[in-house]
């Protein structure tokens, strides 16, 4: 299948400083890619360039024709003097109908929040609202920039579980920036390690062993990733073997 987004040797500079340097990547249908890297590595700017919020200074960027993108930004704030509720806020997206809003609210378990003022939402509730907004219009790719950065551990677990469920249920592509390596490395198919350029990329278990990854995140993080990935794979293998035994006994 043709890629949704293709970047070839793109670079971007601001205020005389090169933020992105010679980036090449493809996002295919049903990809799940996580971009990781230290603060100031250019992760958010890469997303904005890929969405064409900013045009690269160099290189080529191509989108599938009429590509539908859903986006959850890193930061979101509302004016406290604008007392709009969740239903009204969601309805602003492409002038979505009330039925469309109710359907997406039911899918993300926020139907009970539709009449709640946006300013009264907790961090987790606000992220679900922003995710619902991104999914209105049935996007082909969902792009998330540090979506769980302001959530506590339980909130992060719940949010990432929801992202994985959306990926499985809708069979869309997901491109996400995250610092929560111990969580995202389990569900993602591919990891891109960024520090102004692509340091390394590949499946999580491969990237965790890469010298560039170890240089950026340390030996302890690499060991933790390897242990976590092995434990996750072992759990799935045990589950598959158990299921096969059940089938064999039928």
C-alpha atoms as a PDB file:
ATOM      1  CA  UNK A   1       0.000   0.000   0.000  1.00  0.00           C
ATOM      2  CA  UNK A   2       1.153   3.529  -0.725  1.00  0.00           C
ATOM      3  CA  UNK A   3       2.482   5.463   2.299  1.00  0.00           C
ATOM      4  CA  UNK A   4       0.324   8.107   3.950  1.00  0.00           C
ATOM      5  CA  UNK A   5       3.253  10.468   4.555  1.00  0.00           C
ATOM      6  CA  UNK A   6       6.713  10.393   2.994  1.00  0.00           C
ATOM      7  CA  UNK A   7       9.592  12.629   4.081  1.00  0.00           C
ATOM      8  CA  UNK A   8      12.828  12.623   2.102  1.00  0.00           C
ATOM      9  CA  UNK A   9      15.883  14.373   3.568  1.00  0.00           C
ATOM     10  CA  UNK A  10      13.860  17.180   5.172  1.00  0.00           C
ATOM     11  CA  UNK A  11      15.581  19.830   7.293  1.00  0.00           C
ATOM     12  CA  UNK A  12      14.216  22.784   9.242  1.00  0.00           C
ATOM     13  CA  UNK A  13      15.914  25.751  10.906  1.00  0.00           C
ATOM     14  CA  UNK A  14      14.645  28.534  13.157  1.00  0.00           C
ATOM     15  CA  UNK A  15      16.501  31.585  14.501  1.00  0.00           C
ATOM     16  CA  UNK A  16      19.654  30.427  12.808  1.00  0.00           C
ATOM     17  CA  UNK A  17      19.582  27.026  14.518  1.00  0.00           C
ATOM     18  CA  UNK A  18      19.030  23.743  12.684  1.00  0.00           C
ATOM     19  CA  UNK A  19      16.251  21.873  14.500  1.00  0.00           C
ATOM     20  CA  UNK A  20      15.787  19.015  12.032  1.00  0.00           C
ATOM     21  CA  UNK A  21      18.581  17.681   9.858  1.00  0.00           C
ATOM     22  CA  UNK A  22      18.207  15.288   6.920  1.00  0.00           C
ATOM     23  CA  UNK A  23      15.126  13.385   8.142  1.00  0.00           C
ATOM     24  CA  UNK A  24      13.751  10.585   5.969  1.00  0.00           C
ATOM     25  CA  UNK A  25      10.812   8.397   6.961  1.00  0.00           C
ATOM     26  CA  UNK A  26       7.612   6.816   5.698  1.00  0.00           C
ATOM     27  CA  UNK A  27       4.329   6.285   7.508  1.00  0.00           C
ATOM     28  CA  UNK A  28       2.328   3.460   5.982  1.00  0.00           C
ATOM     29  CA  UNK A  29      -1.325   2.502   6.549  1.00  0.00           C
ATOM     30  CA  UNK A  30      -1.789   0.832   9.971  1.00  0.00           C
ATOM     31  CA  UNK A  31       1.667   1.845  11.160  1.00  0.00           C
ATOM     32  CA  UNK A  32       2.226   2.528  14.861  1.00  0.00           C
ATOM     33  CA  UNK A  33       5.341   4.690  15.220  1.00  0.00           C
ATOM     34  CA  UNK A  34       6.642   6.348  18.367  1.00  0.00           C
ATOM     35  CA  UNK A  35       9.216   9.141  18.258  1.00  0.00           C
ATOM     36  CA  UNK A  36      11.466   9.363  21.300  1.00  0.00           C
ATOM     37  CA  UNK A  37      14.374  11.609  22.225  1.00  0.00           C
ATOM     38  CA  UNK A  38      15.607  14.059  24.853  1.00  0.00           C
ATOM     39  CA  UNK A  39      14.103  17.505  25.412  1.00  0.00           C
ATOM     40  CA  UNK A  40      14.953  19.912  22.612  1.00  0.00           C
ATOM     41  CA  UNK A  41      15.566  17.133  20.089  1.00  0.00           C
ATOM     42  CA  UNK A  42      13.035  18.527  17.592  1.00  0.00           C
ATOM     43  CA  UNK A  43      10.287  15.949  18.132  1.00  0.00           C
ATOM     44  CA  UNK A  44       7.347  18.369  18.185  1.00  0.00           C
ATOM     45  CA  UNK A  45       8.738  20.323  15.241  1.00  0.00           C
ATOM     46  CA  UNK A  46       9.030  17.107  13.240  1.00  0.00           C
ATOM     47  CA  UNK A  47       5.330  16.410  13.804  1.00  0.00           C
ATOM     48  CA  UNK A  48       4.436  19.959  12.762  1.00  0.00           C
ATOM     49  CA  UNK A  49       6.511  19.669   9.602  1.00  0.00           C
ATOM     50  CA  UNK A  50       4.962  16.302   8.758  1.00  0.00           C
ATOM     51  CA  UNK A  51       1.498  17.867   9.162  1.00  0.00           C
ATOM     52  CA  UNK A  52       2.610  20.858   7.056  1.00  0.00           C
ATOM     53  CA  UNK A  53       2.131  23.397   9.826  1.00  0.00           C
ATOM     54  CA  UNK A  54       5.664  24.399   8.815  1.00  0.00           C
ATOM     55  CA  UNK A  55       7.312  23.794   5.471  1.00  0.00           C
ATOM     56  CA  UNK A  56      10.786  22.216   5.582  1.00  0.00           C
ATOM     57  CA  UNK A  57      13.699  24.342   4.414  1.00  0.00           C
ATOM     58  CA  UNK A  58      15.109  21.411   2.462  1.00  0.00           C
ATOM     59  CA  UNK A  59      13.935  18.037   1.212  1.00  0.00           C
ATOM     60  CA  UNK A  60      10.652  16.675  -0.060  1.00  0.00           C
ATOM     61  CA  UNK A  61       7.430  16.016   1.851  1.00  0.00           C
ATOM     62  CA  UNK A  62       4.487  14.179   0.323  1.00  0.00           C
ATOM     63  CA  UNK A  63       1.008  13.319   1.628  1.00  0.00           C
ATOM     64  CA  UNK A  64      -1.432  10.806   0.256  1.00  0.00           C
ATOM     65  CA  UNK A  65      -4.111  12.712  -1.646  1.00  0.00           C
ATOM     66  CA  UNK A  66      -6.846  14.083   0.649  1.00  0.00           C
ATOM     67  CA  UNK A  67      -5.141  12.582   3.693  1.00  0.00           C
ATOM     68  CA  UNK A  68      -7.295  12.855   6.836  1.00  0.00           C
ATOM     69  CA  UNK A  69      -5.234  13.695   9.933  1.00  0.00           C
ATOM     70  CA  UNK A  70      -6.359  13.742  13.554  1.00  0.00           C
ATOM     71  CA  UNK A  71      -4.087  15.676  15.923  1.00  0.00           C
ATOM     72  CA  UNK A  72      -3.744  15.834  19.717  1.00  0.00           C
ATOM     73  CA  UNK A  73      -1.405  18.740  20.606  1.00  0.00           C
ATOM     74  CA  UNK A  74       1.143  18.834  23.397  1.00  0.00           C
ATOM     75  CA  UNK A  75      -0.407  21.854  25.101  1.00  0.00           C
ATOM     76  CA  UNK A  76      -4.024  22.962  25.228  1.00  0.00           C
ATOM     77  CA  UNK A  77      -5.641  25.749  27.188  1.00  0.00           C
ATOM     78  CA  UNK A  78      -9.061  27.363  27.148  1.00  0.00           C
ATOM     79  CA  UNK A  79     -10.074  30.877  28.033  1.00  0.00           C
ATOM     80  CA  UNK A  80     -11.605  30.803  31.507  1.00  0.00           C
ATOM     81  CA  UNK A  81     -14.098  33.484  30.498  1.00  0.00           C
ATOM     82  CA  UNK A  82     -15.540  31.233  27.772  1.00  0.00           C
ATOM     83  CA  UNK A  83     -17.787  28.753  29.657  1.00  0.00           C
ATOM     84  CA  UNK A  84     -18.284  26.240  26.844  1.00  0.00           C
ATOM     85  CA  UNK A  85     -19.086  22.608  27.567  1.00  0.00           C
ATOM     86  CA  UNK A  86     -17.555  19.488  26.044  1.00  0.00           C
ATOM     87  CA  UNK A  87     -20.413  18.931  23.584  1.00  0.00           C
ATOM     88  CA  UNK A  88     -20.108  22.446  22.184  1.00  0.00           C
ATOM     89  CA  UNK A  89     -16.321  22.190  21.956  1.00  0.00           C
ATOM     90  CA  UNK A  90     -16.460  18.909  20.030  1.00  0.00           C
ATOM     91  CA  UNK A  91     -19.155  20.291  17.727  1.00  0.00           C
ATOM     92  CA  UNK A  92     -16.771  23.024  16.591  1.00  0.00           C
ATOM     93  CA  UNK A  93     -14.622  20.432  14.766  1.00  0.00           C
ATOM     94  CA  UNK A  94     -15.712  20.618  11.134  1.00  0.00           C
ATOM     95  CA  UNK A  95     -19.172  21.624  12.396  1.00  0.00           C
ATOM     96  CA  UNK A  96     -19.770  18.059  13.553  1.00  0.00           C
ATOM     97  CA  UNK A  97     -23.389  17.054  14.096  1.00  0.00           C
ATOM     98  CA  UNK A  98     -24.771  16.218  17.529  1.00  0.00           C
ATOM     99  CA  UNK A  99     -25.055  12.564  16.511  1.00  0.00           C
ATOM    100  CA  UNK A 100     -21.398  12.471  15.475  1.00  0.00           C
ATOM    101  CA  UNK A 101     -20.388  14.049  18.774  1.00  0.00           C
ATOM    102  CA  UNK A 102     -22.490  11.589  20.774  1.00  0.00           C
ATOM    103  CA  UNK A 103     -21.070   8.615  18.866  1.00  0.00           C
ATOM    104  CA  UNK A 104     -17.448   9.596  19.470  1.00  0.00           C
ATOM    105  CA  UNK A 105     -18.193  10.454  23.105  1.00  0.00           C
ATOM    106  CA  UNK A 106     -19.686   6.994  23.614  1.00  0.00           C
ATOM    107  CA  UNK A 107     -16.661   5.344  21.981  1.00  0.00           C
ATOM    108  CA  UNK A 108     -14.273   7.114  24.387  1.00  0.00           C
ATOM    109  CA  UNK A 109     -16.521   6.804  27.449  1.00  0.00           C
ATOM    110  CA  UNK A 110     -17.059  10.532  27.915  1.00  0.00           C
ATOM    111  CA  UNK A 111     -20.778  10.685  27.156  1.00  0.00           C
ATOM    112  CA  UNK A 112     -21.403  11.640  30.779  1.00  0.00           C
ATOM    113  CA  UNK A 113     -19.130  14.674  30.342  1.00  0.00           C
ATOM    114  CA  UNK A 114     -20.836  16.294  27.353  1.00  0.00           C
ATOM    115  CA  UNK A 115     -22.586  18.940  29.463  1.00  0.00           C
ATOM    116  CA  UNK A 116     -19.521  19.548  31.659  1.00  0.00           C
ATOM    117  CA  UNK A 117     -17.697  22.880  31.211  1.00  0.00           C
ATOM    118  CA  UNK A 118     -14.328  22.308  29.560  1.00  0.00           C
ATOM    119  CA  UNK A 119     -12.584  24.274  32.313  1.00  0.00           C
ATOM    120  CA  UNK A 120     -13.900  21.840  34.934  1.00  0.00           C
ATOM    121  CA  UNK A 121     -12.346  18.720  33.395  1.00  0.00           C
ATOM    122  CA  UNK A 122      -9.535  16.778  35.029  1.00  0.00           C
ATOM    123  CA  UNK A 123      -6.330  16.157  33.086  1.00  0.00           C
ATOM    124  CA  UNK A 124      -7.404  12.683  32.009  1.00  0.00           C
ATOM    125  CA  UNK A 125     -10.885  13.852  31.008  1.00  0.00           C
ATOM    126  CA  UNK A 126      -9.423  16.708  28.974  1.00  0.00           C
ATOM    127  CA  UNK A 127      -7.107  14.332  27.095  1.00  0.00           C
ATOM    128  CA  UNK A 128     -10.038  12.066  26.246  1.00  0.00           C
ATOM    129  CA  UNK A 129     -11.935  15.097  24.978  1.00  0.00           C
ATOM    130  CA  UNK A 130      -8.988  16.123  22.780  1.00  0.00           C
ATOM    131  CA  UNK A 131      -8.673  12.556  21.531  1.00  0.00           C
ATOM    132  CA  UNK A 132     -12.390  12.521  20.705  1.00  0.00           C
ATOM    133  CA  UNK A 133     -11.962  15.778  18.787  1.00  0.00           C
ATOM    134  CA  UNK A 134      -9.035  14.316  16.831  1.00  0.00           C
ATOM    135  CA  UNK A 135     -11.094  11.260  15.858  1.00  0.00           C
ATOM    136  CA  UNK A 136     -14.031  13.280  14.529  1.00  0.00           C
ATOM    137  CA  UNK A 137     -13.831  13.107  10.754  1.00  0.00           C
ATOM    138  CA  UNK A 138     -12.540   9.514  10.818  1.00  0.00           C
ATOM    139  CA  UNK A 139      -8.814  10.210  10.307  1.00  0.00           C
ATOM    140  CA  UNK A 140      -6.495   7.835   8.497  1.00  0.00           C
ATOM    141  CA  UNK A 141      -3.641   8.807  10.802  1.00  0.00           C
ATOM    142  CA  UNK A 142      -3.739   9.933  14.428  1.00  0.00           C
ATOM    143  CA  UNK A 143      -0.831  12.168  15.493  1.00  0.00           C
ATOM    144  CA  UNK A 144      -0.217  12.698  19.214  1.00  0.00           C
ATOM    145  CA  UNK A 145       2.382  14.991  20.778  1.00  0.00           C
ATOM    146  CA  UNK A 146       3.227  13.954  24.369  1.00  0.00           C
ATOM    147  CA  UNK A 147      -0.440  13.059  25.022  1.00  0.00           C
ATOM    148  CA  UNK A 148       0.044  11.816  28.600  1.00  0.00           C
ATOM    149  CA  UNK A 149       2.630  14.265  29.914  1.00  0.00           C
ATOM    150  CA  UNK A 150       0.311  15.852  32.502  1.00  0.00           C
ATOM    151  CA  UNK A 151      -1.291  12.640  33.743  1.00  0.00           C
ATOM    152  CA  UNK A 152      -0.439  10.566  36.803  1.00  0.00           C
ATOM    153  CA  UNK A 153       0.700   6.956  36.415  1.00  0.00           C
ATOM    154  CA  UNK A 154      -2.805   5.464  36.496  1.00  0.00           C
ATOM    155  CA  UNK A 155      -3.971   8.092  34.021  1.00  0.00           C
ATOM    156  CA  UNK A 156      -1.066   7.314  31.705  1.00  0.00           C
ATOM    157  CA  UNK A 157      -1.820   3.591  31.804  1.00  0.00           C
ATOM    158  CA  UNK A 158      -5.496   4.190  31.017  1.00  0.00           C
ATOM    159  CA  UNK A 159      -4.699   6.611  28.200  1.00  0.00           C
ATOM    160  CA  UNK A 160      -2.142   4.394  26.462  1.00  0.00           C
ATOM    161  CA  UNK A 161      -4.497   1.431  26.768  1.00  0.00           C
ATOM    162  CA  UNK A 162      -7.162   3.513  25.032  1.00  0.00           C
ATOM    163  CA  UNK A 163      -4.734   4.453  22.245  1.00  0.00           C
ATOM    164  CA  UNK A 164      -3.904   0.797  21.648  1.00  0.00           C
ATOM    165  CA  UNK A 165      -7.614  -0.096  21.590  1.00  0.00           C
ATOM    166  CA  UNK A 166      -8.292   2.664  19.046  1.00  0.00           C
ATOM    167  CA  UNK A 167      -5.412   1.392  16.916  1.00  0.00           C
ATOM    168  CA  UNK A 168      -6.763  -2.158  16.958  1.00  0.00           C
ATOM    169  CA  UNK A 169     -10.410  -1.209  16.502  1.00  0.00           C
ATOM    170  CA  UNK A 170     -10.071   1.466  13.819  1.00  0.00           C
ATOM    171  CA  UNK A 171      -6.997   0.015  12.080  1.00  0.00           C
ATOM    172  CA  UNK A 172      -5.569   3.471  11.506  1.00  0.00           C
ATOM    173  CA  UNK A 173      -1.979   4.694  11.601  1.00  0.00           C
ATOM    174  CA  UNK A 174      -0.628   6.276  14.770  1.00  0.00           C
ATOM    175  CA  UNK A 175       2.363   8.582  15.046  1.00  0.00           C
ATOM    176  CA  UNK A 176       3.175   9.598  18.600  1.00  0.00           C
ATOM    177  CA  UNK A 177       5.828  11.522  20.503  1.00  0.00           C
ATOM    178  CA  UNK A 178       6.319  10.293  24.050  1.00  0.00           C
ATOM    179  CA  UNK A 179       8.772  10.201  26.962  1.00  0.00           C
ATOM    180  CA  UNK A 180       6.980   7.255  28.593  1.00  0.00           C
ATOM    181  CA  UNK A 181       9.309   4.635  27.153  1.00  0.00           C
ATOM    182  CA  UNK A 182       8.313   1.827  29.506  1.00  0.00           C
ATOM    183  CA  UNK A 183       4.695   2.118  28.288  1.00  0.00           C
ATOM    184  CA  UNK A 184       4.882   2.964  24.607  1.00  0.00           C
ATOM    185  CA  UNK A 185       7.644   0.487  23.764  1.00  0.00           C
ATOM    186  CA  UNK A 186       5.174  -2.353  24.330  1.00  0.00           C
ATOM    187  CA  UNK A 187       2.452  -1.382  21.861  1.00  0.00           C
ATOM    188  CA  UNK A 188       4.378   0.486  19.169  1.00  0.00           C
ATOM    189  CA  UNK A 189       5.548  -1.325  16.033  1.00  0.00           C
ATOM    190  CA  UNK A 190       8.441   0.998  15.284  1.00  0.00           C
ATOM    191  CA  UNK A 191      10.511   3.454  17.320  1.00  0.00           C
ATOM    192  CA  UNK A 192      12.357   6.450  15.910  1.00  0.00           C
ATOM    193  CA  UNK A 193      15.052   7.878  18.171  1.00  0.00           C
ATOM    194  CA  UNK A 194      15.518  11.567  17.321  1.00  0.00           C
ATOM    195  CA  UNK A 195      18.150  14.114  18.268  1.00  0.00           C
ATOM    196  CA  UNK A 196      17.806  16.669  15.448  1.00  0.00           C
ATOM    197  CA  UNK A 197      18.538  13.764  13.111  1.00  0.00           C
ATOM    198  CA  UNK A 198      17.356  10.148  13.238  1.00  0.00           C
ATOM    199  CA  UNK A 199      19.854   8.415  15.522  1.00  0.00           C
ATOM    200  CA  UNK A 200      18.323   4.965  15.141  1.00  0.00           C
ATOM    201  CA  UNK A 201      15.015   3.363  14.236  1.00  0.00           C
ATOM    202  CA  UNK A 202      13.360  -0.023  14.137  1.00  0.00           C
ATOM    203  CA  UNK A 203      11.373  -2.353  16.357  1.00  0.00           C
ATOM    204  CA  UNK A 204      11.526  -1.577  20.106  1.00  0.00           C
ATOM    205  CA  UNK A 205      13.732  -4.552  20.985  1.00  0.00           C
ATOM    206  CA  UNK A 206      16.237  -3.594  18.271  1.00  0.00           C
ATOM    207  CA  UNK A 207      16.338   0.110  19.174  1.00  0.00           C
ATOM    208  CA  UNK A 208      16.849  -0.646  22.892  1.00  0.00           C
ATOM    209  CA  UNK A 209      20.145  -2.364  21.993  1.00  0.00           C
ATOM    210  CA  UNK A 210      21.386   0.358  19.659  1.00  0.00           C
ATOM    211  CA  UNK A 211      24.492   2.267  20.859  1.00  0.00           C
ATOM    212  CA  UNK A 212      22.834   5.593  19.923  1.00  0.00           C
ATOM    213  CA  UNK A 213      19.834   4.790  22.141  1.00  0.00           C
ATOM    214  CA  UNK A 214      22.119   3.770  25.008  1.00  0.00           C
ATOM    215  CA  UNK A 215      24.141   6.960  24.548  1.00  0.00           C
ATOM    216  CA  UNK A 216      21.023   9.141  24.825  1.00  0.00           C
ATOM    217  CA  UNK A 217      19.108   7.281  27.539  1.00  0.00           C
ATOM    218  CA  UNK A 218      21.761   5.322  29.421  1.00  0.00           C
ATOM    219  CA  UNK A 219      22.581   1.681  30.021  1.00  0.00           C
ATOM    220  CA  UNK A 220      20.028   1.324  32.826  1.00  0.00           C
ATOM    221  CA  UNK A 221      17.162   2.411  30.551  1.00  0.00           C
ATOM    222  CA  UNK A 222      18.365   0.037  27.829  1.00  0.00           C
ATOM    223  CA  UNK A 223      18.434  -2.869  30.277  1.00  0.00           C
ATOM    224  CA  UNK A 224      14.976  -1.986  31.570  1.00  0.00           C
ATOM    225  CA  UNK A 225      13.613  -1.822  28.021  1.00  0.00           C
ATOM    226  CA  UNK A 226      15.126  -5.191  27.142  1.00  0.00           C
ATOM    227  CA  UNK A 227      13.697  -6.799  30.280  1.00  0.00           C
ATOM    228  CA  UNK A 228      10.280  -5.205  29.776  1.00  0.00           C
ATOM    229  CA  UNK A 229      10.117  -6.177  26.116  1.00  0.00           C
ATOM    230  CA  UNK A 230      11.176  -9.777  26.890  1.00  0.00           C
ATOM    231  CA  UNK A 231       8.561 -10.030  29.644  1.00  0.00           C
ATOM    232  CA  UNK A 232       5.865  -8.682  27.319  1.00  0.00           C
ATOM    233  CA  UNK A 233       6.800 -11.059  24.492  1.00  0.00           C
ATOM    234  CA  UNK A 234       6.990 -14.010  26.884  1.00  0.00           C
ATOM    235  CA  UNK A 235       3.518 -13.184  28.187  1.00  0.00           C
ATOM    236  CA  UNK A 236       2.117 -13.216  24.658  1.00  0.00           C
ATOM    237  CA  UNK A 237       3.932 -16.413  23.747  1.00  0.00           C
ATOM    238  CA  UNK A 238       2.584 -18.126  26.867  1.00  0.00           C
ATOM    239  CA  UNK A 239      -0.896 -16.894  26.010  1.00  0.00           C
ATOM    240  CA  UNK A 240      -0.599 -18.183  22.450  1.00  0.00           C
ATOM    241  CA  UNK A 241       0.691 -21.590  23.616  1.00  0.00           C
ATOM    242  CA  UNK A 242      -2.134 -21.868  26.117  1.00  0.00           C
ATOM    243  CA  UNK A 243      -4.665 -21.025  23.410  1.00  0.00           C
ATOM    244  CA  UNK A 244      -3.112 -23.571  21.035  1.00  0.00           C
ATOM    245  CA  UNK A 245      -3.378 -26.264  23.717  1.00  0.00           C
ATOM    246  CA  UNK A 246      -7.044 -25.422  24.212  1.00  0.00           C
ATOM    247  CA  UNK A 247      -7.661 -25.711  20.467  1.00  0.00           C
ATOM    248  CA  UNK A 248      -5.783 -29.014  20.323  1.00  0.00           C
ATOM    249  CA  UNK A 249      -7.966 -30.406  23.110  1.00  0.00           C
ATOM    250  CA  UNK A 250     -11.243 -29.471  21.437  1.00  0.00           C
END
